[in-house]
C-alpha atoms as a PDB file:
ATOM      1  CA  MET A   1       0.021   0.068  -0.243  1.00  0.00           C
ATOM      2  CA  MET A   2       1.436   3.411  -0.887  1.00  0.00           C
ATOM      3  CA  ASN A   3       2.260   5.451   1.939  1.00  0.00           C
ATOM      4  CA  ILE A   4      -0.257   8.300   0.652  1.00  0.00           C
ATOM      5  CA  TYR A   5      -3.260   6.093   1.517  1.00  0.00           C
ATOM      6  CA  ARG A   6      -2.278   5.125   4.944  1.00  0.00           C
ATOM      7  CA  TYR A   7      -1.845   8.632   6.012  1.00  0.00           C
ATOM      8  CA  ALA A   8      -5.416   9.452   4.713  1.00  0.00           C
ATOM      9  CA  ILE A   9      -6.824   5.995   5.771  1.00  0.00           C
ATOM     10  CA  VAL A  10      -4.977   7.014   9.864  1.00  0.00           C
ATOM     11  CA  TYR A  11      -6.349  10.132   9.311  1.00  0.00           C
ATOM     12  CA  PHE A  12      -9.934   9.568   8.490  1.00  0.00           C
ATOM     13  CA  THR A  13      -9.951   6.525  11.368  1.00  0.00           C
ATOM     14  CA  LEU A  14      -8.354   9.360  13.830  1.00  0.00           C
ATOM     15  CA  PHE A  15     -11.363  11.714  12.731  1.00  0.00           C
ATOM     16  CA  GLY A  16     -13.837   9.070  13.081  1.00  0.00           C
ATOM     17  CA  VAL A  17     -12.811   8.503  16.537  1.00  0.00           C
ATOM     18  CA  LEU A  18     -13.131  12.098  17.576  1.00  0.00           C
ATOM     19  CA  LEU A  19     -16.454  12.257  15.778  1.00  0.00           C
ATOM     20  CA  LEU A  20     -17.728   9.063  17.616  1.00  0.00           C
ATOM     21  CA  CYS A  21     -16.338  10.412  21.170  1.00  0.00           C
ATOM     22  CA  SER A  22     -18.171  14.077  20.454  1.00  0.00           C
ATOM     23  CA  GLY A  23     -21.213  12.092  19.891  1.00  0.00           C
ATOM     24  CA  ILE A  24     -21.094  10.337  23.143  1.00  0.00           C
ATOM     25  CA  TRP A  25     -19.922  13.613  24.945  1.00  0.00           C
ATOM     26  CA  LEU A  26     -22.769  16.021  23.400  1.00  0.00           C
ATOM     27  CA  LEU A  27     -25.564  13.358  24.346  1.00  0.00           C
ATOM     28  CA  GLY A  28     -23.885  13.130  27.692  1.00  0.00           C
ATOM     29  CA  MET A  29     -23.845  16.669  28.204  1.00  0.00           C
ATOM     30  CA  LYS A  30     -27.500  17.393  27.067  1.00  0.00           C
ATOM     31  CA  ALA A  31     -29.457  14.867  27.597  1.00  0.00           C
ATOM     32  CA  GLY A  32     -27.383  11.982  29.733  1.00  0.00           C
ATOM     33  CA  PHE A  33     -27.427   8.509  29.634  1.00  0.00           C
ATOM     34  CA  SER A  34     -29.991   7.224  32.160  1.00  0.00           C
ATOM     35  CA  LEU A  35     -33.555   6.358  30.804  1.00  0.00           C
ATOM     36  CA  GLU A  36     -34.863   8.959  32.977  1.00  0.00           C
ATOM     37  CA  ALA A  37     -33.127  11.779  31.715  1.00  0.00           C
ATOM     38  CA  LEU A  38     -33.801  10.691  28.258  1.00  0.00           C
ATOM     39  CA  THR A  39     -37.202  10.876  28.668  1.00  0.00           C
ATOM     40  CA  GLN A  40     -37.266  14.074  30.152  1.00  0.00           C
ATOM     41  CA  TYR A  41     -35.065  15.400  27.280  1.00  0.00           C
ATOM     42  CA  TYR A  42     -37.495  14.518  24.714  1.00  0.00           C
ATOM     43  CA  LEU A  43     -40.692  14.666  26.706  1.00  0.00           C
ATOM     44  CA  GLY A  44     -39.758  18.003  28.641  1.00  0.00           C
ATOM     45  CA  SER A  45     -40.006  18.272  32.296  1.00  0.00           C
ATOM     46  CA  ASP A  46     -41.301  20.834  34.718  1.00  0.00           C
ATOM     47  CA  VAL A  47     -38.818  20.317  37.120  1.00  0.00           C
ATOM     48  CA  MET A  48     -36.029  20.977  34.818  1.00  0.00           C
ATOM     49  CA  MET A  49     -38.312  23.887  32.955  1.00  0.00           C
ATOM     50  CA  THR A  50     -37.344  22.366  29.641  1.00  0.00           C
ATOM     51  CA  ARG A  51     -40.175  21.889  26.734  1.00  0.00           C
ATOM     52  CA  ALA A  52     -41.002  18.558  25.044  1.00  0.00           C
ATOM     53  CA  LYS A  53     -39.306  18.077  21.485  1.00  0.00           C
ATOM     54  CA  SER A  54     -41.225  18.608  18.446  1.00  0.00           C
ATOM     55  CA  ASN A  55     -41.561  16.652  15.299  1.00  0.00           C
ATOM     56  CA  THR A  56     -39.924  19.513  13.422  1.00  0.00           C
ATOM     57  CA  GLY A  57     -37.073  19.957  15.829  1.00  0.00           C
ATOM     58  CA  LEU A  58     -36.366  15.956  15.972  1.00  0.00           C
ATOM     59  CA  LEU A  59     -36.648  16.530  11.857  1.00  0.00           C
ATOM     60  CA  GLU A  60     -34.081  19.363  11.866  1.00  0.00           C
ATOM     61  CA  VAL A  61     -31.666  17.037  13.698  1.00  0.00           C
ATOM     62  CA  ALA A  62     -32.226  14.131  11.717  1.00  0.00           C
ATOM     63  CA  VAL A  63     -32.099  15.405   8.202  1.00  0.00           C
ATOM     64  CA  PRO A  64     -28.235  16.313   8.512  1.00  0.00           C
ATOM     65  CA  HIS A  65     -27.555  12.966  10.819  1.00  0.00           C
ATOM     66  CA  MET A  66     -28.838  10.860   8.383  1.00  0.00           C
ATOM     67  CA  GLY A  67     -26.149  12.282   5.480  1.00  0.00           C
ATOM     68  CA  ALA A  68     -23.685  12.415   7.586  1.00  0.00           C
ATOM     69  CA  ILE A  69     -23.848   9.020   9.458  1.00  0.00           C
ATOM     70  CA  GLY A  70     -24.674   7.173   6.043  1.00  0.00           C
ATOM     71  CA  LEU A  71     -21.184   8.751   4.410  1.00  0.00           C
ATOM     72  CA  PHE A  72     -19.731   7.708   7.545  1.00  0.00           C
ATOM     73  CA  ILE A  73     -20.968   4.247   7.537  1.00  0.00           C
ATOM     74  CA  MET A  74     -20.215   3.985   3.677  1.00  0.00           C
ATOM     75  CA  VAL A  75     -17.090   5.228   3.702  1.00  0.00           C
ATOM     76  CA  THR A  76     -15.930   3.159   6.740  1.00  0.00           C
ATOM     77  CA  SER A  77     -17.587  -0.144   5.359  1.00  0.00           C
ATOM     78  CA  HIS A  78     -15.764   0.368   2.079  1.00  0.00           C
ATOM     79  CA  PHE A  79     -12.166   0.531   4.210  1.00  0.00           C
ATOM     80  CA  ILE A  80     -13.264  -2.801   5.904  1.00  0.00           C
ATOM     81  CA  LEU A  81     -13.860  -4.659   2.382  1.00  0.00           C
ATOM     82  CA  PHE A  82     -10.303  -4.149   1.909  1.00  0.00           C
ATOM     83  CA  THR A  83      -9.046  -5.469   5.419  1.00  0.00           C
ATOM     84  CA  PRO A  84      -7.330  -8.612   5.797  1.00  0.00           C
ATOM     85  CA  GLN A  85     -10.481  -9.756   7.725  1.00  0.00           C
ATOM     86  CA  ARG A  86     -11.058 -13.310   7.519  1.00  0.00           C
ATOM     87  CA  GLU A  87     -14.634 -13.867   8.567  1.00  0.00           C
ATOM     88  CA  ARG A  88     -16.508 -11.526   5.573  1.00  0.00           C
ATOM     89  CA  ARG A  89     -19.903 -12.849   6.290  1.00  0.00           C
ATOM     90  CA  ARG A  90     -19.887 -12.009  10.025  1.00  0.00           C
ATOM     91  CA  MET A  91     -18.393  -8.374   9.010  1.00  0.00           C
ATOM     92  CA  MET A  92     -20.950  -7.977   6.656  1.00  0.00           C
ATOM     93  CA  TRP A  93     -23.537  -8.889   9.157  1.00  0.00           C
ATOM     94  CA  LEU A  94     -22.114  -6.340  11.398  1.00  0.00           C
ATOM     95  CA  MET A  95     -22.231  -3.412   8.737  1.00  0.00           C
ATOM     96  CA  ALA A  96     -25.868  -4.532   8.803  1.00  0.00           C
ATOM     97  CA  LEU A  97     -26.010  -3.887  12.151  1.00  0.00           C
ATOM     98  CA  TRP A  98     -24.093  -0.736  12.166  1.00  0.00           C
ATOM     99  CA  PHE A  99     -26.712   0.757   9.384  1.00  0.00           C
ATOM    100  CA  LEU A 100     -29.761  -0.323  11.614  1.00  0.00           C
ATOM    101  CA  SER A 101     -28.152   0.945  14.968  1.00  0.00           C
ATOM    102  CA  ALA A 102     -27.880   4.431  13.385  1.00  0.00           C
ATOM    103  CA  LEU A 103     -31.196   3.946  12.088  1.00  0.00           C
ATOM    104  CA  GLY A 104     -32.818   3.196  15.682  1.00  0.00           C
ATOM    105  CA  ASN A 105     -30.622   6.282  17.239  1.00  0.00           C
ATOM    106  CA  VAL A 106     -31.978   8.866  14.425  1.00  0.00           C
ATOM    107  CA  PHE A 107     -35.547   7.694  14.481  1.00  0.00           C
ATOM    108  CA  ALA A 108     -36.515   6.354  18.267  1.00  0.00           C
ATOM    109  CA  PRO A 109     -37.046   9.987  19.392  1.00  0.00           C
ATOM    110  CA  PHE A 110     -39.631  10.392  16.931  1.00  0.00           C
ATOM    111  CA  ALA A 111     -41.112   7.238  18.836  1.00  0.00           C
ATOM    112  CA  VAL A 112     -40.348   8.580  22.125  1.00  0.00           C
ATOM    113  CA  ILE A 113     -42.310  12.082  21.572  1.00  0.00           C
ATOM    114  CA  ALA A 114     -45.478  10.135  19.882  1.00  0.00           C
ATOM    115  CA  GLY A 115     -46.185   8.451  23.344  1.00  0.00           C
ATOM    116  CA  PHE A 116     -44.198   5.259  22.764  1.00  0.00           C
ATOM    117  CA  ASP A 117     -42.002   5.499  26.128  1.00  0.00           C
ATOM    118  CA  ALA A 118     -40.278   2.208  25.627  1.00  0.00           C
ATOM    119  CA  PHE A 119     -38.480   3.751  22.527  1.00  0.00           C
ATOM    120  CA  VAL A 120     -35.826   5.379  25.136  1.00  0.00           C
ATOM    121  CA  GLY A 121     -34.474   2.402  25.824  1.00  0.00           C
ATOM    122  CA  VAL A 122     -34.139   1.490  22.034  1.00  0.00           C
ATOM    123  CA  LYS A 123     -32.540   5.212  21.339  1.00  0.00           C
ATOM    124  CA  LEU A 124     -30.033   4.241  24.456  1.00  0.00           C
ATOM    125  CA  MET A 125     -29.159   0.863  23.323  1.00  0.00           C
ATOM    126  CA  ALA A 126     -28.885   1.687  19.517  1.00  0.00           C
ATOM    127  CA  PHE A 127     -26.868   4.706  20.602  1.00  0.00           C
ATOM    128  CA  PHE A 128     -24.241   2.834  22.392  1.00  0.00           C
ATOM    129  CA  LEU A 129     -24.294  -0.417  19.659  1.00  0.00           C
ATOM    130  CA  PHE A 130     -23.462   2.501  16.994  1.00  0.00           C
ATOM    131  CA  GLN A 131     -20.833   3.843  18.802  1.00  0.00           C
ATOM    132  CA  PHE A 132     -19.284   0.548  19.901  1.00  0.00           C
ATOM    133  CA  LEU A 133     -19.623  -0.969  15.933  1.00  0.00           C
ATOM    134  CA  GLY A 134     -17.758   2.561  14.970  1.00  0.00           C
ATOM    135  CA  PHE A 135     -15.148   1.794  17.149  1.00  0.00           C
ATOM    136  CA  TYR A 136     -14.783  -1.554  16.442  1.00  0.00           C
ATOM    137  CA  PHE A 137     -14.606  -0.811  12.724  1.00  0.00           C
ATOM    138  CA  LEU A 138     -12.218   2.053  13.049  1.00  0.00           C
ATOM    139  CA  TRP A 139      -9.625  -0.051  14.975  1.00  0.00           C
ATOM    140  CA  HIS A 140     -10.082  -2.839  11.883  1.00  0.00           C
ATOM    141  CA  VAL A 141      -9.266   0.324   9.142  1.00  0.00           C
ATOM    142  CA  PHE A 142      -6.474   1.537  11.470  1.00  0.00           C
ATOM    143  CA  HIS A 143      -4.860  -1.872  11.994  1.00  0.00           C
ATOM    144  CA  ALA A 144      -5.180  -2.772   8.366  1.00  0.00           C
ATOM    145  CA  ALA A 145      -3.351   0.668   7.135  1.00  0.00           C
ATOM    146  CA  PHE A 146      -0.491  -0.510   8.922  1.00  0.00           C
ATOM    147  CA  LYS A 147      -0.207  -4.069   8.030  1.00  0.00           C
ATOM    148  CA  GLY A 148      -1.210  -3.556   4.437  1.00  0.00           C
ATOM    149  CA  VAL A 149      -4.542  -4.131   2.742  1.00  0.00           C
ATOM    150  CA  HIS A 150      -5.699  -7.223   0.368  1.00  0.00           C
ATOM    151  CA  PRO A 151      -7.040  -7.429  -3.050  1.00  0.00           C
ATOM    152  CA  PRO A 152     -10.965  -6.612  -2.686  1.00  0.00           C
ATOM    153  CA  MET A 153     -13.105  -9.794  -2.256  1.00  0.00           C
ATOM    154  CA  ARG A 154     -15.024 -11.113  -5.344  1.00  0.00           C
ATOM    155  CA  MET A 155     -19.067 -11.134  -4.543  1.00  0.00           C
ATOM    156  CA  SER A 156     -18.993 -14.977  -5.124  1.00  0.00           C
ATOM    157  CA  SER A 157     -16.897 -15.301  -2.291  1.00  0.00           C
ATOM    158  CA  ILE A 158     -19.856 -13.952   0.469  1.00  0.00           C
END
């Protein structure tokens, strides 16, 4: 692998780690990591004197997140396909799970404000699953940048 590609991949993974860490930090600062704190964040609280989130407000957050998260998953998954990972089928399932966790993370708040309080737990689980899989895939990409990459797999080998 040419060094220029290694540098680009290493920079991508480092910025990806910063992106994931900032997501954890922001959720912790804005809402918290407990079911009660997230419920109060989305449904409002008389004690905290906060208003409930609206569909419009959630949509204003969801739309840019869908584009950014989708692009992040696509680029990271593309790099994963060129890593020396031996368990391709498992990695494909984990990539699909990563995508589904992103959808749950972005869209669960709509269900919460629609009255389905159980989706607060879905939001929290999807958020942490998205973060965990993001770090997992970025580690594989980072590690492969120093080990060298293998030729792309053929679709018949899936």
